[in-house]
Structure formats: C-alpha cells, structure tokens
C-alpha cells in the first residue's frame, strides 16, 4: 500500500490552520522578515509570489504599497484562504491562482519587478528548481536582473 501523500493534499488538509493575520509561527519572526527586508521598498511594484500559501507574506507586500501581486500555490484550499483574506482586507490588486510552479504558464503579467518564493524550493527536485528559476528569470523586468 502506497503511504505517500502529496504536498497539495497536506496543505489542502491544513489550510485553515495556516491562516493568520499576525505572527504566530517561528518563521514569522525569523525567515519571513528577512524576505520582506530583501524585497526593499515595493511601492509601485508588481510582485510575483510563488508558493504563496494562504497569502500571509502577500498581504504584507500589498499593505506596503505594491501595485499588484500575483500569488501561485499548488493547494486550492490555501488559495481559497488567500483570496478570502485579501477580499476581507480590500486588497483588490492581489490575485491568486492554483498552480504548480514547475508547469504553470498563465501568469497575470508578462513581467514582474520582483519574485519571492518562501519555503517553496524544499519541495522541489534540483531539475524542478532549475525549471522554476528559468521561468522566473524570464518574468523579471530588466531593472531587477
């Protein structure tokens, strides 16, 4: 009997447990602030968030003045949570779609100013990482290469 379970199934089952509006996890105090710091001033920028989960970082980016945000995650339930919270907060320029970062090609824009991926690459093989990074490179505006 195959006892493996997909990443999608794990996150679909736990999506409501991830939804938060304040820091509650260790990584909310450690890793995520570093990501936001590295992004710098996002005012007026178009940001791509690959592996966005329930949109915790995406919401912070939008609240920091980004012009738009496109979030992608393999978990339909996480995307449902992200959409719901964005609507509740009036973050209308944050759009979320279900998709696998390795194969997804239906981005809302052809160019983004910056791309983030918090805790995505630990789920991918080296070959998949190369595919995602190649795609990301093609989506970045020349000013951020």
N, C-alpha and C. Protein backbone atom coordinates (compact mmCIF):
# COMPACT_ATOMS: atom_id res chain seq x y z
N UNK A 1 0.84 -1.18 0.00
CA UNK A 1 0.00 0.00 0.00
C UNK A 1 0.89 1.25 0.00
N UNK A 2 0.61 2.18 -0.91
CA UNK A 2 1.37 3.43 -1.01
C UNK A 2 0.92 4.38 0.09
N UNK A 3 1.87 4.75 0.95
CA UNK A 3 1.53 5.63 2.06
C UNK A 3 2.00 7.06 1.83
N UNK A 4 2.48 7.35 0.62
CA UNK A 4 2.92 8.71 0.35
C UNK A 4 1.70 9.62 0.18
N UNK A 5 1.90 10.86 0.49
CA UNK A 5 0.84 11.84 0.36
C UNK A 5 1.44 13.07 -0.32
N UNK A 6 0.71 13.68 -1.20
CA UNK A 6 1.24 14.81 -1.96
C UNK A 6 1.31 16.07 -1.10
N UNK A 7 2.18 16.96 -1.50
CA UNK A 7 2.27 18.27 -0.85
C UNK A 7 0.93 18.98 -0.95
N UNK A 8 0.30 18.89 -2.10
CA UNK A 8 -1.01 19.51 -2.30
C UNK A 8 -2.02 19.00 -1.27
N UNK A 9 -2.07 17.69 -1.08
CA UNK A 9 -3.03 17.11 -0.14
C UNK A 9 -2.73 17.53 1.30
N UNK A 10 -1.47 17.60 1.65
CA UNK A 10 -1.09 18.03 3.00
C UNK A 10 -1.58 19.45 3.26
N UNK A 11 -1.30 20.36 2.34
CA UNK A 11 -1.68 21.76 2.54
C UNK A 11 -3.18 21.98 2.36
N UNK A 12 -3.84 21.22 1.51
CA UNK A 12 -5.29 21.33 1.40
C UNK A 12 -5.94 20.96 2.73
N UNK A 13 -5.42 19.94 3.37
CA UNK A 13 -6.00 19.48 4.64
C UNK A 13 -5.73 20.45 5.79
N UNK A 14 -4.66 21.22 5.70
CA UNK A 14 -4.26 22.10 6.80
C UNK A 14 -4.45 23.59 6.54
N UNK A 15 -5.04 23.96 5.44
CA UNK A 15 -5.11 25.37 5.03
C UNK A 15 -5.69 26.28 6.11
N UNK A 16 -6.76 25.88 6.75
CA UNK A 16 -7.38 26.75 7.75
C UNK A 16 -6.47 26.95 8.95
N UNK A 17 -5.59 26.02 9.22
CA UNK A 17 -4.67 26.14 10.35
C UNK A 17 -3.53 27.13 10.06
N UNK A 18 -3.28 27.41 8.79
CA UNK A 18 -2.21 28.33 8.40
C UNK A 18 -2.68 29.77 8.38
N UNK A 19 -3.96 30.01 8.19
CA UNK A 19 -4.49 31.37 8.05
C UNK A 19 -4.21 32.17 9.32
N UNK A 20 -3.58 33.34 9.14
CA UNK A 20 -3.27 34.19 10.27
C UNK A 20 -3.16 35.63 9.82
N UNK A 21 -3.36 36.53 10.75
CA UNK A 21 -3.21 37.96 10.47
C UNK A 21 -2.12 38.57 11.34
N UNK A 22 -1.48 37.75 12.13
CA UNK A 22 -0.38 38.22 12.96
C UNK A 22 0.65 37.11 13.11
N UNK A 23 1.81 37.47 13.62
CA UNK A 23 2.89 36.50 13.78
C UNK A 23 2.50 35.45 14.83
N UNK A 24 2.58 34.18 14.42
CA UNK A 24 2.27 33.10 15.36
C UNK A 24 3.26 31.94 15.27
N UNK A 25 4.03 31.90 14.18
CA UNK A 25 4.97 30.79 13.98
C UNK A 25 6.40 31.31 14.06
N UNK A 26 7.31 30.44 14.38
CA UNK A 26 8.72 30.81 14.48
C UNK A 26 9.19 31.48 13.20
N UNK A 27 8.80 30.94 12.04
CA UNK A 27 9.26 31.52 10.77
C UNK A 27 8.66 32.90 10.51
N UNK A 28 7.56 33.25 11.18
CA UNK A 28 7.01 34.60 11.07
C UNK A 28 7.94 35.62 11.73
N UNK A 29 8.75 35.16 12.66
CA UNK A 29 9.69 36.03 13.36
C UNK A 29 11.10 35.95 12.78
N UNK A 30 11.39 34.89 12.05
CA UNK A 30 12.76 34.66 11.58
C UNK A 30 12.88 34.81 10.07
N UNK A 31 12.39 33.87 9.31
CA UNK A 31 12.58 33.84 7.85
C UNK A 31 11.79 34.91 7.11
N UNK A 32 10.53 35.05 7.40
CA UNK A 32 9.69 35.96 6.64
C UNK A 32 10.13 37.42 6.75
N UNK A 33 10.51 37.93 7.92
CA UNK A 33 11.01 39.31 7.97
C UNK A 33 12.25 39.52 7.10
N UNK A 34 13.09 38.51 6.98
CA UNK A 34 14.28 38.62 6.12
C UNK A 34 13.88 38.74 4.65
N UNK A 35 12.86 38.00 4.25
CA UNK A 35 12.37 38.08 2.87
C UNK A 35 11.84 39.48 2.59
N UNK A 36 11.05 40.00 3.50
CA UNK A 36 10.49 41.34 3.30
C UNK A 36 11.60 42.39 3.26
N UNK A 37 12.59 42.23 4.09
CA UNK A 37 13.72 43.17 4.10
C UNK A 37 14.47 43.12 2.77
N UNK A 38 14.67 41.95 2.23
CA UNK A 38 15.38 41.80 0.95
C UNK A 38 14.59 42.40 -0.21
N UNK A 39 13.27 42.38 -0.13
CA UNK A 39 12.46 42.98 -1.19
C UNK A 39 12.63 44.50 -1.21
N UNK A 40 12.91 45.07 -0.07
CA UNK A 40 13.07 46.52 0.00
C UNK A 40 11.74 47.24 -0.19
N UNK A 41 11.81 48.45 -0.71
CA UNK A 41 10.62 49.26 -0.95
C UNK A 41 9.87 48.70 -2.16
N UNK A 42 8.68 48.19 -1.94
CA UNK A 42 7.90 47.58 -3.01
C UNK A 42 6.85 48.52 -3.58
N UNK A 43 6.82 49.74 -3.10
CA UNK A 43 5.81 50.70 -3.55
C UNK A 43 5.83 50.82 -5.07
N UNK A 44 4.67 50.64 -5.67
CA UNK A 44 4.52 50.76 -7.12
C UNK A 44 4.99 49.55 -7.92
N UNK A 45 5.45 48.53 -7.25
CA UNK A 45 5.97 47.35 -7.96
C UNK A 45 4.91 46.28 -8.17
N UNK A 46 5.19 45.43 -9.16
CA UNK A 46 4.37 44.26 -9.47
C UNK A 46 5.16 43.04 -8.98
N UNK A 47 4.59 42.32 -8.02
CA UNK A 47 5.30 41.24 -7.34
C UNK A 47 4.65 39.90 -7.66
N UNK A 48 5.49 38.90 -7.88
CA UNK A 48 5.05 37.52 -8.06
C UNK A 48 5.45 36.73 -6.82
N UNK A 49 4.50 36.05 -6.21
CA UNK A 49 4.74 35.22 -5.02
C UNK A 49 4.45 33.77 -5.37
N UNK A 50 5.51 33.02 -5.59
CA UNK A 50 5.36 31.60 -5.97
C UNK A 50 5.38 30.76 -4.70
N UNK A 51 4.37 29.91 -4.56
CA UNK A 51 4.23 29.13 -3.33
C UNK A 51 3.69 30.02 -2.23
N UNK A 52 2.71 30.84 -2.56
CA UNK A 52 2.21 31.89 -1.66
C UNK A 52 1.44 31.38 -0.47
N UNK A 53 1.04 30.10 -0.49
CA UNK A 53 0.25 29.57 0.61
C UNK A 53 -1.03 30.36 0.80
N UNK A 54 -1.34 30.68 2.05
CA UNK A 54 -2.58 31.39 2.33
C UNK A 54 -2.43 32.90 2.23
N UNK A 55 -1.28 33.36 1.71
CA UNK A 55 -1.10 34.76 1.38
C UNK A 55 -0.58 35.66 2.48
N UNK A 56 -0.03 35.11 3.54
CA UNK A 56 0.45 35.92 4.66
C UNK A 56 1.46 36.97 4.21
N UNK A 57 2.51 36.56 3.50
CA UNK A 57 3.53 37.49 3.01
C UNK A 57 2.93 38.40 1.92
N UNK A 58 2.11 37.84 1.08
CA UNK A 58 1.48 38.63 0.01
C UNK A 58 0.70 39.82 0.58
N UNK A 59 -0.02 39.57 1.65
CA UNK A 59 -0.79 40.65 2.27
C UNK A 59 0.13 41.74 2.80
N UNK A 60 1.23 41.35 3.40
CA UNK A 60 2.19 42.34 3.90
C UNK A 60 2.77 43.16 2.76
N UNK A 61 3.04 42.51 1.66
CA UNK A 61 3.59 43.21 0.48
C UNK A 61 2.57 44.20 -0.06
N UNK A 62 1.33 43.79 -0.18
CA UNK A 62 0.30 44.70 -0.68
C UNK A 62 0.10 45.87 0.28
N UNK A 63 0.13 45.60 1.57
CA UNK A 63 -0.04 46.66 2.55
C UNK A 63 1.16 47.61 2.56
N UNK A 64 2.28 47.19 1.97
CA UNK A 64 3.48 48.03 1.87
C UNK A 64 3.50 48.86 0.59
N UNK A 65 2.43 48.78 -0.19
CA UNK A 65 2.30 49.66 -1.34
C UNK A 65 2.57 49.08 -2.71
N UNK A 66 2.70 47.76 -2.83
CA UNK A 66 2.89 47.16 -4.15
C UNK A 66 1.69 47.49 -5.04
N UNK A 67 1.96 47.69 -6.33
CA UNK A 67 0.87 47.98 -7.28
C UNK A 67 0.00 46.76 -7.52
N UNK A 68 0.64 45.60 -7.57
CA UNK A 68 -0.11 44.36 -7.76
C UNK A 68 0.71 43.20 -7.23
N UNK A 69 0.00 42.13 -6.97
CA UNK A 69 0.65 40.91 -6.52
C UNK A 69 -0.07 39.74 -7.16
N UNK A 70 0.70 38.80 -7.68
CA UNK A 70 0.14 37.57 -8.21
C UNK A 70 0.71 36.43 -7.40
N UNK A 71 -0.17 35.71 -6.71
CA UNK A 71 0.24 34.58 -5.88
C UNK A 71 -0.15 33.27 -6.52
N UNK A 72 0.75 32.31 -6.44
CA UNK A 72 0.55 30.99 -7.03
C UNK A 72 0.85 29.94 -5.98
N UNK A 73 -0.02 28.95 -5.87
CA UNK A 73 0.22 27.84 -4.94
C UNK A 73 -0.46 26.59 -5.46
N UNK A 74 0.12 25.45 -5.15
CA UNK A 74 -0.42 24.17 -5.61
C UNK A 74 -1.69 23.78 -4.84
N UNK A 75 -1.88 24.35 -3.66
CA UNK A 75 -3.02 23.99 -2.83
C UNK A 75 -4.23 24.88 -3.10
N UNK A 76 -5.30 24.27 -3.58
CA UNK A 76 -6.54 25.01 -3.85
C UNK A 76 -7.11 25.60 -2.57
N UNK A 77 -6.98 24.89 -1.48
CA UNK A 77 -7.51 25.38 -0.20
C UNK A 77 -6.72 26.58 0.30
N UNK A 78 -5.40 26.55 0.12
CA UNK A 78 -4.58 27.71 0.53
C UNK A 78 -4.94 28.92 -0.32
N UNK A 79 -5.14 28.72 -1.60
CA UNK A 79 -5.52 29.82 -2.49
C UNK A 79 -6.90 30.36 -2.09
N UNK A 80 -7.80 29.49 -1.72
CA UNK A 80 -9.12 29.92 -1.25
C UNK A 80 -8.97 30.82 -0.02
N UNK A 81 -8.11 30.43 0.90
CA UNK A 81 -7.86 31.24 2.10
C UNK A 81 -7.25 32.59 1.72
N UNK A 82 -6.28 32.57 0.79
CA UNK A 82 -5.61 33.81 0.36
C UNK A 82 -6.61 34.77 -0.28
N UNK A 83 -7.46 34.25 -1.15
CA UNK A 83 -8.46 35.09 -1.81
C UNK A 83 -9.45 35.67 -0.81
N UNK A 84 -9.89 34.85 0.12
CA UNK A 84 -10.85 35.28 1.12
C UNK A 84 -10.28 36.40 1.99
N UNK A 85 -9.06 36.22 2.46
CA UNK A 85 -8.44 37.22 3.33
C UNK A 85 -8.15 38.51 2.56
N UNK A 86 -7.70 38.40 1.32
CA UNK A 86 -7.44 39.59 0.50
C UNK A 86 -8.73 40.38 0.28
N UNK A 87 -9.82 39.68 0.01
CA UNK A 87 -11.10 40.34 -0.18
C UNK A 87 -11.56 41.02 1.11
N UNK A 88 -11.40 40.33 2.22
CA UNK A 88 -11.79 40.88 3.52
C UNK A 88 -11.03 42.17 3.84
N UNK A 89 -9.75 42.21 3.44
CA UNK A 89 -8.91 43.37 3.72
C UNK A 89 -8.95 44.43 2.62
N UNK A 90 -9.69 44.16 1.55
CA UNK A 90 -9.81 45.12 0.46
C UNK A 90 -8.55 45.20 -0.40
N UNK A 91 -7.80 44.13 -0.47
CA UNK A 91 -6.57 44.09 -1.28
C UNK A 91 -6.93 43.59 -2.68
N UNK A 92 -7.58 44.44 -3.44
CA UNK A 92 -8.15 44.05 -4.73
C UNK A 92 -7.12 43.82 -5.83
N UNK A 93 -5.92 44.29 -5.65
CA UNK A 93 -4.89 44.09 -6.67
C UNK A 93 -4.01 42.90 -6.36
N UNK A 94 -4.44 42.09 -5.40
CA UNK A 94 -3.78 40.82 -5.10
C UNK A 94 -4.61 39.73 -5.75
N UNK A 95 -4.01 39.00 -6.68
CA UNK A 95 -4.69 37.92 -7.38
C UNK A 95 -3.99 36.61 -7.08
N UNK A 96 -4.76 35.57 -6.92
CA UNK A 96 -4.22 34.27 -6.56
C UNK A 96 -4.76 33.19 -7.49
N UNK A 97 -3.89 32.26 -7.86
CA UNK A 97 -4.29 31.15 -8.72
C UNK A 97 -3.70 29.85 -8.20
N UNK A 98 -4.41 28.78 -8.44
CA UNK A 98 -3.91 27.44 -8.13
C UNK A 98 -3.03 27.00 -9.27
N UNK A 99 -1.84 26.51 -8.95
CA UNK A 99 -0.97 26.01 -9.99
C UNK A 99 0.35 25.50 -9.44
N UNK A 100 0.94 24.61 -10.18
CA UNK A 100 2.24 24.04 -9.86
C UNK A 100 3.31 24.96 -10.45
N UNK A 101 4.18 25.50 -9.62
CA UNK A 101 5.19 26.46 -10.07
C UNK A 101 6.08 25.91 -11.18
N UNK A 102 6.24 24.61 -11.24
CA UNK A 102 7.10 23.99 -12.26
C UNK A 102 6.47 24.07 -13.64
N UNK A 103 5.16 23.92 -13.73
CA UNK A 103 4.49 23.84 -15.02
C UNK A 103 3.58 25.01 -15.35
N UNK A 104 3.36 25.90 -14.43
CA UNK A 104 2.39 26.98 -14.60
C UNK A 104 2.87 28.00 -15.62
N UNK A 105 1.96 28.47 -16.50
CA UNK A 105 2.31 29.45 -17.52
C UNK A 105 1.26 30.54 -17.71
N UNK A 106 0.25 30.59 -16.88
CA UNK A 106 -0.84 31.54 -17.05
C UNK A 106 -0.71 32.73 -16.10
N UNK A 107 0.45 33.35 -16.08
CA UNK A 107 0.68 34.48 -15.19
C UNK A 107 -0.15 35.68 -15.61
N UNK A 108 -0.51 36.51 -14.64
CA UNK A 108 -1.35 37.67 -14.91
C UNK A 108 -0.59 38.77 -15.66
N UNK A 109 0.71 38.71 -15.66
CA UNK A 109 1.56 39.69 -16.33
C UNK A 109 2.68 38.95 -17.05
N UNK A 110 3.29 39.63 -18.00
CA UNK A 110 4.46 39.04 -18.67
C UNK A 110 5.75 39.47 -17.98
N UNK A 111 5.66 40.49 -17.14
CA UNK A 111 6.83 40.99 -16.43
C UNK A 111 6.46 41.37 -15.00
N UNK A 112 7.33 41.01 -14.07
CA UNK A 112 7.18 41.38 -12.66
C UNK A 112 8.46 42.08 -12.24
N UNK A 113 8.33 42.98 -11.27
CA UNK A 113 9.50 43.69 -10.76
C UNK A 113 10.33 42.80 -9.84
N UNK A 114 9.65 42.03 -9.01
CA UNK A 114 10.34 41.12 -8.11
C UNK A 114 9.53 39.84 -7.95
N UNK A 115 10.24 38.79 -7.57
CA UNK A 115 9.61 37.48 -7.35
C UNK A 115 10.09 36.95 -6.01
N UNK A 116 9.16 36.40 -5.24
CA UNK A 116 9.53 35.76 -3.99
C UNK A 116 9.02 34.33 -4.00
N UNK A 117 9.69 33.51 -3.22
CA UNK A 117 9.28 32.11 -3.04
C UNK A 117 9.75 31.69 -1.65
N UNK A 118 8.86 31.80 -0.68
CA UNK A 118 9.21 31.46 0.70
C UNK A 118 8.87 29.99 0.94
N UNK A 119 9.86 29.20 1.27
CA UNK A 119 9.67 27.79 1.58
C UNK A 119 9.06 26.99 0.43
N UNK A 120 9.45 27.30 -0.79
CA UNK A 120 8.98 26.55 -1.95
C UNK A 120 10.00 25.50 -2.38
N UNK A 121 11.25 25.90 -2.43
CA UNK A 121 12.25 25.05 -3.07
C UNK A 121 12.56 23.76 -2.31
N UNK A 122 12.23 23.69 -1.04
CA UNK A 122 12.43 22.44 -0.31
C UNK A 122 11.47 21.35 -0.76
N UNK A 123 10.47 21.70 -1.56
CA UNK A 123 9.53 20.71 -2.09
C UNK A 123 9.87 20.25 -3.50
N UNK A 124 10.90 20.84 -4.10
CA UNK A 124 11.22 20.57 -5.50
C UNK A 124 12.53 19.81 -5.65
N UNK A 125 12.63 19.08 -6.75
CA UNK A 125 13.90 18.45 -7.10
C UNK A 125 14.82 19.52 -7.69
N UNK A 126 16.07 19.21 -7.87
CA UNK A 126 17.01 20.16 -8.47
C UNK A 126 16.55 20.52 -9.87
N UNK A 127 16.13 19.54 -10.64
CA UNK A 127 15.64 19.79 -12.00
C UNK A 127 14.43 20.74 -11.98
N UNK A 128 13.51 20.51 -11.06
CA UNK A 128 12.34 21.39 -10.96
C UNK A 128 12.74 22.80 -10.54
N UNK A 129 13.71 22.92 -9.63
CA UNK A 129 14.19 24.25 -9.23
C UNK A 129 14.76 25.01 -10.42
N UNK A 130 15.51 24.31 -11.25
CA UNK A 130 16.08 24.94 -12.44
C UNK A 130 14.97 25.43 -13.36
N UNK A 131 13.93 24.60 -13.55
CA UNK A 131 12.81 24.99 -14.40
C UNK A 131 12.12 26.24 -13.85
N UNK A 132 11.86 26.26 -12.54
CA UNK A 132 11.18 27.40 -11.93
C UNK A 132 12.05 28.64 -12.04
N UNK A 133 13.33 28.52 -11.74
CA UNK A 133 14.21 29.69 -11.79
C UNK A 133 14.38 30.22 -13.22
N UNK A 134 14.39 29.33 -14.18
CA UNK A 134 14.46 29.76 -15.58
C UNK A 134 13.22 30.56 -15.95
N UNK A 135 12.06 30.06 -15.54
CA UNK A 135 10.80 30.77 -15.81
C UNK A 135 10.79 32.12 -15.10
N UNK A 136 11.19 32.13 -13.83
CA UNK A 136 11.22 33.37 -13.05
C UNK A 136 12.12 34.39 -13.72
N UNK A 137 13.26 33.96 -14.18
CA UNK A 137 14.21 34.87 -14.86
C UNK A 137 13.55 35.53 -16.07
N UNK A 138 12.75 34.78 -16.79
CA UNK A 138 12.09 35.33 -17.97
C UNK A 138 10.96 36.30 -17.61
N UNK A 139 10.47 36.25 -16.38
CA UNK A 139 9.36 37.09 -15.95
C UNK A 139 9.82 38.39 -15.26
N UNK A 140 11.10 38.49 -14.95
CA UNK A 140 11.61 39.68 -14.27
C UNK A 140 11.88 40.83 -15.24
N UNK A 141 11.50 42.03 -14.83
CA UNK A 141 11.84 43.20 -15.65
C UNK A 141 13.34 43.39 -15.64
N UNK A 142 13.86 43.98 -16.66
CA UNK A 142 15.32 44.12 -16.80
C UNK A 142 15.95 44.92 -15.66
N UNK A 143 15.20 45.80 -15.03
CA UNK A 143 15.74 46.61 -13.95
C UNK A 143 16.06 45.82 -12.70
N UNK A 144 15.57 44.58 -12.61
CA UNK A 144 15.76 43.79 -11.40
C UNK A 144 16.57 42.52 -11.64
N UNK A 145 17.25 42.44 -12.77
CA UNK A 145 18.03 41.24 -13.06
C UNK A 145 19.40 41.32 -12.46
